[in-house]
Amino acid sequence: MMQSMTGFATKTISITKGKNQKATITISLKALNSRYFETNIKLPQPLSHLETDLIKLFKKSLYRGSIFLTVWLDNPAIFKGSIEPAMETVKNYMKAINRIKKEFSFENAPSLDLITRLPNVFTIEEQALDKQSSQVILKTAHELIETVIKEREKEGKQLQKDLDRRFAIMEKEIADIDVRYQEHMEEQKKKLRELLQELSVDESEQAEVRKSTLYTLLDKIDIHEEIVRFKSHLENIAQMLDTPQVEKGKRIDFTLQELAREINTITAKCSDAQISKRAINVKVEIEKAREQTQNIV
């Protein structure tokens, strides 16, 4: 089933630390368009050890797009551990203070109150989330992924309907181009036969050159191969749309580029007004289809 790259889901859960310490955690997952798979994960410090597992989880299920995960913790204090003095930092402060005392002949020693007010003289060890609570968060992330996938599939259905309509228009236009091409070639062949008949009475070297030029021109306006390849590319896209494989966006976009090359060649080789008009219609549909594929996984 086709999926878009956009989706959003959020959920709030409660976890318990110890006997009666509780915290509320809100997890928000958002997926946006991107050519590649990218992650942006914001976790509070006690949950930072989960980042690698979360990235693996997203890559396994979401395939493509910019994935944003934000986790809010309402009571981070329950993860605060012991408070320890940063002795090396205090020693460096004391060395600096003693240098100042010596340089400026200060007599008073720094008070304990002054030292404890200095930055970074204490370290607070934050405790990581326990294994059971970590599993609860990973399970919640998996549930959010499933919600995002459902949103992606819902939008993907609409994208596929739009693409089906555009490919149907292309198919009709190229069929009409093929019909008009056959008529156009018959017209050109008729003109060529008439010119060759006129030149047949002229046995000069210049007449032979003109004959050769006419055959070359007829060959240059032949767009049969381009039409065949265009139809083949459309068949390939139809097969892609029907496959159960999730990742389709890049393959469809590449094939649309091939379609664009074929229709550009058709336009360049054939100067028939009717063919040119239909070729322009095809180009418009290709561009619109390419815009849509930028949002397909």
Protein backbone atom coordinates (compact mmCIF):
# COMPACT_ATOMS: atom_id res chain seq x y z
CA MET A 1 0.00 0.00 0.00
CA MET A 2 1.24 3.47 -0.86
CA GLN A 3 2.21 5.70 2.05
CA SER A 4 2.81 9.42 2.28
CA MET A 5 5.74 10.65 4.37
CA THR A 6 3.71 12.80 6.76
CA GLY A 7 2.03 11.83 10.00
CA PHE A 8 1.68 12.81 13.65
CA ALA A 9 0.94 11.02 16.92
CA THR A 10 1.27 11.79 20.61
CA LYS A 11 0.62 9.94 23.85
CA THR A 12 1.03 10.55 27.58
CA ILE A 13 1.99 7.75 29.97
CA SER A 14 2.86 7.44 33.66
CA ILE A 15 5.84 5.61 35.10
CA THR A 16 6.70 4.73 38.68
CA LYS A 17 10.17 4.93 40.20
CA GLY A 18 10.71 3.17 43.47
CA LYS A 19 7.69 2.66 45.70
CA ASN A 20 5.72 5.85 45.28
CA GLN A 21 7.59 8.26 43.00
CA LYS A 22 5.67 8.88 39.80
CA ALA A 23 6.33 10.86 36.64
CA THR A 24 4.26 11.69 33.60
CA ILE A 25 5.93 11.33 30.21
CA THR A 26 4.51 12.82 27.01
CA ILE A 27 5.87 11.42 23.74
CA SER A 28 5.28 13.19 20.43
CA LEU A 29 6.16 11.68 17.03
CA LYS A 30 6.06 13.67 13.80
CA ALA A 31 7.06 12.61 10.27
CA LEU A 32 7.70 15.08 7.43
CA ASN A 33 8.88 14.96 3.83
CA SER A 34 12.53 14.34 3.09
CA ARG A 35 14.53 12.76 0.29
CA TYR A 36 16.24 10.53 2.83
CA PHE A 37 15.69 8.97 6.25
CA GLU A 38 16.59 11.45 9.00
CA THR A 39 15.93 11.46 12.74
CA ASN A 40 15.75 14.27 15.26
CA ILE A 41 15.28 12.89 18.78
CA LYS A 42 15.00 15.03 21.90
CA LEU A 43 15.12 13.09 25.16
CA PRO A 44 15.54 14.17 28.79
CA GLN A 45 18.85 13.01 30.26
CA PRO A 46 17.44 10.00 32.19
CA LEU A 47 16.04 8.64 28.90
CA SER A 48 19.04 9.39 26.67
CA HIS A 49 20.13 5.72 26.63
CA LEU A 50 17.02 4.92 24.54
CA GLU A 51 18.07 6.97 21.50
CA THR A 52 19.82 4.15 19.60
CA ASP A 53 16.90 1.74 20.09
CA LEU A 54 14.42 4.39 18.96
CA ILE A 55 16.38 5.14 15.78
CA LYS A 56 16.45 1.41 14.92
CA LEU A 57 12.72 1.20 15.55
CA PHE A 58 11.96 4.16 13.27
CA LYS A 59 14.26 2.98 10.48
CA LYS A 60 12.68 -0.47 10.50
CA SER A 61 9.10 0.82 10.19
CA LEU A 62 9.08 4.32 8.65
CA TYR A 63 11.75 3.88 5.91
CA ARG A 64 11.92 7.46 4.65
CA GLY A 65 11.29 11.05 5.77
CA SER A 66 12.35 13.38 8.57
CA ILE A 67 11.32 11.79 11.86
CA PHE A 68 10.99 14.04 14.91
CA LEU A 69 10.53 12.54 18.37
CA THR A 70 10.21 14.72 21.46
CA VAL A 71 9.81 13.39 25.00
CA TRP A 72 8.76 15.62 27.91
CA LEU A 73 9.23 14.53 31.52
CA ASP A 74 7.10 16.42 34.04
CA ASN A 75 9.02 15.43 37.18
CA PRO A 76 12.73 15.01 36.38
CA ALA A 77 13.61 15.50 40.06
CA ILE A 78 12.85 11.84 40.82
CA PHE A 79 15.85 10.88 38.69
CA LYS A 80 18.28 13.09 40.57
CA GLY A 81 20.89 11.03 42.36
CA SER A 82 23.55 11.95 44.90
CA ILE A 83 25.14 15.40 45.05
CA GLU A 84 28.94 15.30 45.15
CA PRO A 85 31.52 18.10 45.41
CA ALA A 86 33.63 18.57 42.31
CA MET A 87 36.93 18.55 44.18
CA GLU A 88 39.16 19.27 41.19
CA THR A 89 37.02 22.28 40.32
CA VAL A 90 37.18 23.53 43.94
CA LYS A 91 40.99 23.09 43.96
CA ASN A 92 41.29 25.16 40.80
CA TYR A 93 39.08 27.86 42.32
CA MET A 94 41.27 27.94 45.44
CA LYS A 95 44.46 28.24 43.38
CA ALA A 96 42.98 31.16 41.47
CA ILE A 97 41.74 32.83 44.69
CA ASN A 98 45.16 32.43 46.35
CA ARG A 99 46.84 34.04 43.34
CA ILE A 100 44.46 36.98 43.63
CA LYS A 101 45.19 37.23 47.40
CA LYS A 102 48.93 37.21 46.78
CA GLU A 103 48.81 39.67 43.89
CA PHE A 104 46.65 42.22 45.69
CA SER A 105 47.65 41.49 49.30
CA PHE A 106 44.18 40.46 50.47
CA GLU A 107 44.15 39.03 53.97
CA ASN A 108 40.75 37.37 54.30
CA ALA A 109 40.45 33.73 53.32
CA PRO A 110 37.48 32.79 51.11
CA SER A 111 34.50 31.62 53.12
CA LEU A 112 32.72 28.31 52.60
CA ASP A 113 29.61 30.27 51.66
CA LEU A 114 31.52 31.99 48.83
CA ILE A 115 32.98 28.75 47.54
CA THR A 116 29.64 26.93 47.48
CA ARG A 117 28.15 29.76 45.42
CA LEU A 118 30.72 29.36 42.65
CA PRO A 119 29.59 27.60 39.43
CA ASN A 120 30.06 23.86 38.99
CA VAL A 121 31.42 23.09 42.46
CA PHE A 122 28.81 20.34 42.84
CA THR A 123 27.84 17.53 40.47
CA ILE A 124 24.44 15.89 40.45
CA GLU A 125 24.36 12.34 39.13
CA GLU A 126 21.15 11.64 37.22
CA GLN A 127 19.87 8.09 37.37
CA ALA A 128 18.86 6.36 34.16
CA LEU A 129 15.39 4.96 33.71
CA ASP A 130 15.03 1.36 34.86
CA LYS A 131 14.67 -1.46 32.31
CA GLN A 132 10.95 -2.00 32.86
CA SER A 133 10.08 1.67 32.36
CA SER A 134 12.40 1.83 29.33
CA GLN A 135 10.45 -1.03 27.74
CA VAL A 136 7.19 0.83 28.41
CA ILE A 137 8.51 3.87 26.55
CA LEU A 138 9.74 1.77 23.61
CA LYS A 139 6.36 0.04 23.46
CA THR A 140 4.64 3.43 23.44
CA ALA A 141 6.94 4.61 20.64
CA HIS A 142 5.95 1.52 18.65
CA GLU A 143 2.26 2.36 19.16
CA LEU A 144 2.90 5.91 17.94
CA ILE A 145 4.64 4.52 14.86
CA GLU A 146 1.57 2.41 14.07
CA THR A 147 -0.63 5.51 14.37
CA VAL A 148 1.68 7.48 12.06
CA ILE A 149 1.67 4.61 9.53
CA LYS A 150 -2.14 4.61 9.51
CA GLU A 151 -2.11 8.34 8.77
CA ARG A 152 0.49 7.78 6.05
CA GLU A 153 -1.61 5.03 4.46
CA LYS A 154 -4.75 7.17 4.59
CA GLU A 155 -3.02 10.02 2.78
CA GLY A 156 -1.26 7.51 0.53
CA LYS A 157 -4.64 6.33 -0.80
CA GLN A 158 -5.45 9.87 -1.88
CA LEU A 159 -2.04 10.27 -3.48
CA GLN A 160 -2.46 7.02 -5.41
CA LYS A 161 -5.89 8.09 -6.66
CA ASP A 162 -4.40 11.33 -7.92
CA LEU A 163 -1.46 9.55 -9.57
CA ASP A 164 -3.75 6.94 -11.16
CA ARG A 165 -5.76 9.77 -12.70
CA ARG A 166 -2.66 11.50 -14.03
CA PHE A 167 -1.20 8.30 -15.47
CA ALA A 168 -4.55 7.57 -17.14
CA ILE A 169 -4.39 11.01 -18.79
CA MET A 170 -0.82 10.33 -19.95
CA GLU A 171 -1.85 6.94 -21.32
CA LYS A 172 -4.69 8.48 -23.33
CA GLU A 173 -2.54 11.34 -24.60
CA ILE A 174 0.29 9.04 -25.72
CA ALA A 175 -2.25 6.78 -27.45
CA ASP A 176 -3.62 9.81 -29.31
CA ILE A 177 -0.07 10.91 -30.12
CA ASP A 178 0.58 7.44 -31.55
CA VAL A 179 -2.52 7.65 -33.77
CA ARG A 180 -1.62 11.15 -34.95
CA TYR A 181 1.98 10.06 -35.49
CA GLN A 182 0.85 7.29 -37.85
CA GLU A 183 -1.25 9.80 -39.80
CA HIS A 184 1.57 12.35 -39.80
CA MET A 185 4.09 9.81 -41.09
CA GLU A 186 1.74 8.78 -43.90
CA GLU A 187 1.36 12.44 -44.86
CA GLN A 188 5.13 12.91 -44.85
CA LYS A 189 5.70 9.71 -46.81
CA LYS A 190 3.17 10.83 -49.40
CA LYS A 191 4.97 14.16 -49.78
CA LEU A 192 8.26 12.29 -49.98
CA ARG A 193 7.00 10.01 -52.72
CA GLU A 194 5.81 13.02 -54.70
CA LEU A 195 9.17 14.74 -54.30
CA LEU A 196 11.04 11.58 -55.22
CA GLN A 197 8.90 11.22 -58.31
CA GLU A 198 9.83 14.74 -59.33
CA LEU A 199 13.48 14.05 -58.63
CA SER A 200 13.46 10.74 -60.48
CA VAL A 201 13.58 12.55 -63.80
CA ASP A 202 16.61 14.47 -62.59
CA GLU A 203 19.72 12.32 -62.71
CA SER A 204 22.12 15.00 -61.53
CA GLU A 205 24.34 14.61 -58.50
CA GLN A 206 22.42 17.37 -56.72
CA ALA A 207 19.18 15.41 -57.09
CA GLU A 208 20.77 12.38 -55.42
CA VAL A 209 21.88 14.55 -52.51
CA ARG A 210 18.34 15.89 -52.11
CA LYS A 211 16.94 12.34 -52.12
CA SER A 212 19.35 11.32 -49.37
CA THR A 213 18.44 14.42 -47.35
CA LEU A 214 14.72 13.65 -47.60
CA TYR A 215 15.22 10.10 -46.33
CA THR A 216 17.30 11.43 -43.43
CA LEU A 217 14.62 13.98 -42.50
CA LEU A 218 11.94 11.29 -42.55
CA ASP A 219 14.03 9.15 -40.23
CA LYS A 220 14.62 12.07 -37.84
CA ILE A 221 10.92 12.73 -37.33
CA ASP A 222 10.23 9.06 -36.58
CA ILE A 223 9.07 8.90 -32.92
CA HIS A 224 7.92 5.29 -32.87
CA GLU A 225 10.69 4.14 -30.49
CA GLU A 226 10.01 6.99 -28.06
CA ILE A 227 6.29 6.15 -27.99
CA VAL A 228 7.04 2.46 -27.32
CA ARG A 229 9.42 3.34 -24.48
CA PHE A 230 6.93 5.82 -23.01
CA LYS A 231 4.22 3.15 -22.91
CA SER A 232 6.68 0.69 -21.37
CA HIS A 233 7.54 3.16 -18.59
CA LEU A 234 3.83 3.64 -17.86
CA GLU A 235 3.43 -0.13 -17.54
CA ASN A 236 6.37 -0.23 -15.11
CA ILE A 237 4.77 2.47 -12.96
CA ALA A 238 1.46 0.58 -12.93
CA GLN A 239 3.31 -2.50 -11.64
CA MET A 240 5.05 -0.42 -8.95
CA LEU A 241 1.73 0.96 -7.73
CA ASP A 242 0.31 -2.57 -7.39
CA THR A 243 3.22 -4.06 -5.45
CA PRO A 244 2.91 -4.52 -1.65
CA GLN A 245 6.35 -2.94 -1.22
CA VAL A 246 6.13 0.23 0.89
CA GLU A 247 9.06 2.18 -0.57
CA LYS A 248 7.92 3.43 -3.97
CA GLY A 249 8.53 7.17 -4.12
CA LYS A 250 12.10 7.20 -5.44
CA ARG A 251 11.42 4.51 -8.07
CA ILE A 252 8.31 6.29 -9.32
CA ASP A 253 10.16 9.62 -9.45
CA PHE A 254 13.02 8.07 -11.43
CA THR A 255 10.57 6.56 -13.94
CA LEU A 256 8.80 9.92 -14.26
CA GLN A 257 12.16 11.44 -15.21
CA GLU A 258 12.45 8.81 -17.94
CA LEU A 259 8.93 9.71 -19.15
CA ALA A 260 9.93 13.38 -19.24
CA ARG A 261 12.97 12.56 -21.39
CA GLU A 262 10.89 10.57 -23.87
CA ILE A 263 8.20 13.24 -24.23
CA ASN A 264 10.85 15.95 -24.64
CA THR A 265 12.41 13.93 -27.46
CA ILE A 266 8.99 13.48 -29.07
CA THR A 267 8.41 17.24 -28.93
CA ALA A 268 11.84 17.99 -30.38
CA LYS A 269 11.59 15.48 -33.24
CA CYS A 270 8.04 16.09 -34.37
CA SER A 271 6.81 19.53 -35.43
CA ASP A 272 3.18 18.48 -35.88
CA ALA A 273 0.90 20.92 -34.02
CA GLN A 274 -1.51 18.26 -32.74
CA ILE A 275 1.30 16.10 -31.39
CA SER A 276 2.98 19.12 -29.78
CA LYS A 277 -0.25 20.12 -28.05
CA ARG A 278 -0.77 16.64 -26.60
CA ALA A 279 2.90 16.41 -25.62
CA ILE A 280 2.54 19.62 -23.60
CA ASN A 281 -0.45 18.09 -21.79
CA VAL A 282 1.69 15.06 -20.96
CA LYS A 283 4.51 17.29 -19.64
CA VAL A 284 2.07 19.08 -17.34
CA GLU A 285 0.84 15.77 -15.90
CA ILE A 286 4.40 14.51 -15.43
CA GLU A 287 5.35 17.63 -13.46
CA LYS A 288 2.25 17.36 -11.27
CA ALA A 289 2.94 13.67 -10.68
CA ARG A 290 6.54 14.44 -9.71
CA GLU A 291 5.31 16.98 -7.18
CA GLN A 292 3.14 14.29 -5.62
CA THR A 293 5.94 11.72 -5.48
CA GLN A 294 7.95 14.07 -3.23
CA ASN A 295 5.52 13.05 -0.46
CA ILE A 296 5.61 9.29 -1.12
CA VAL A 297 7.68 6.91 0.99
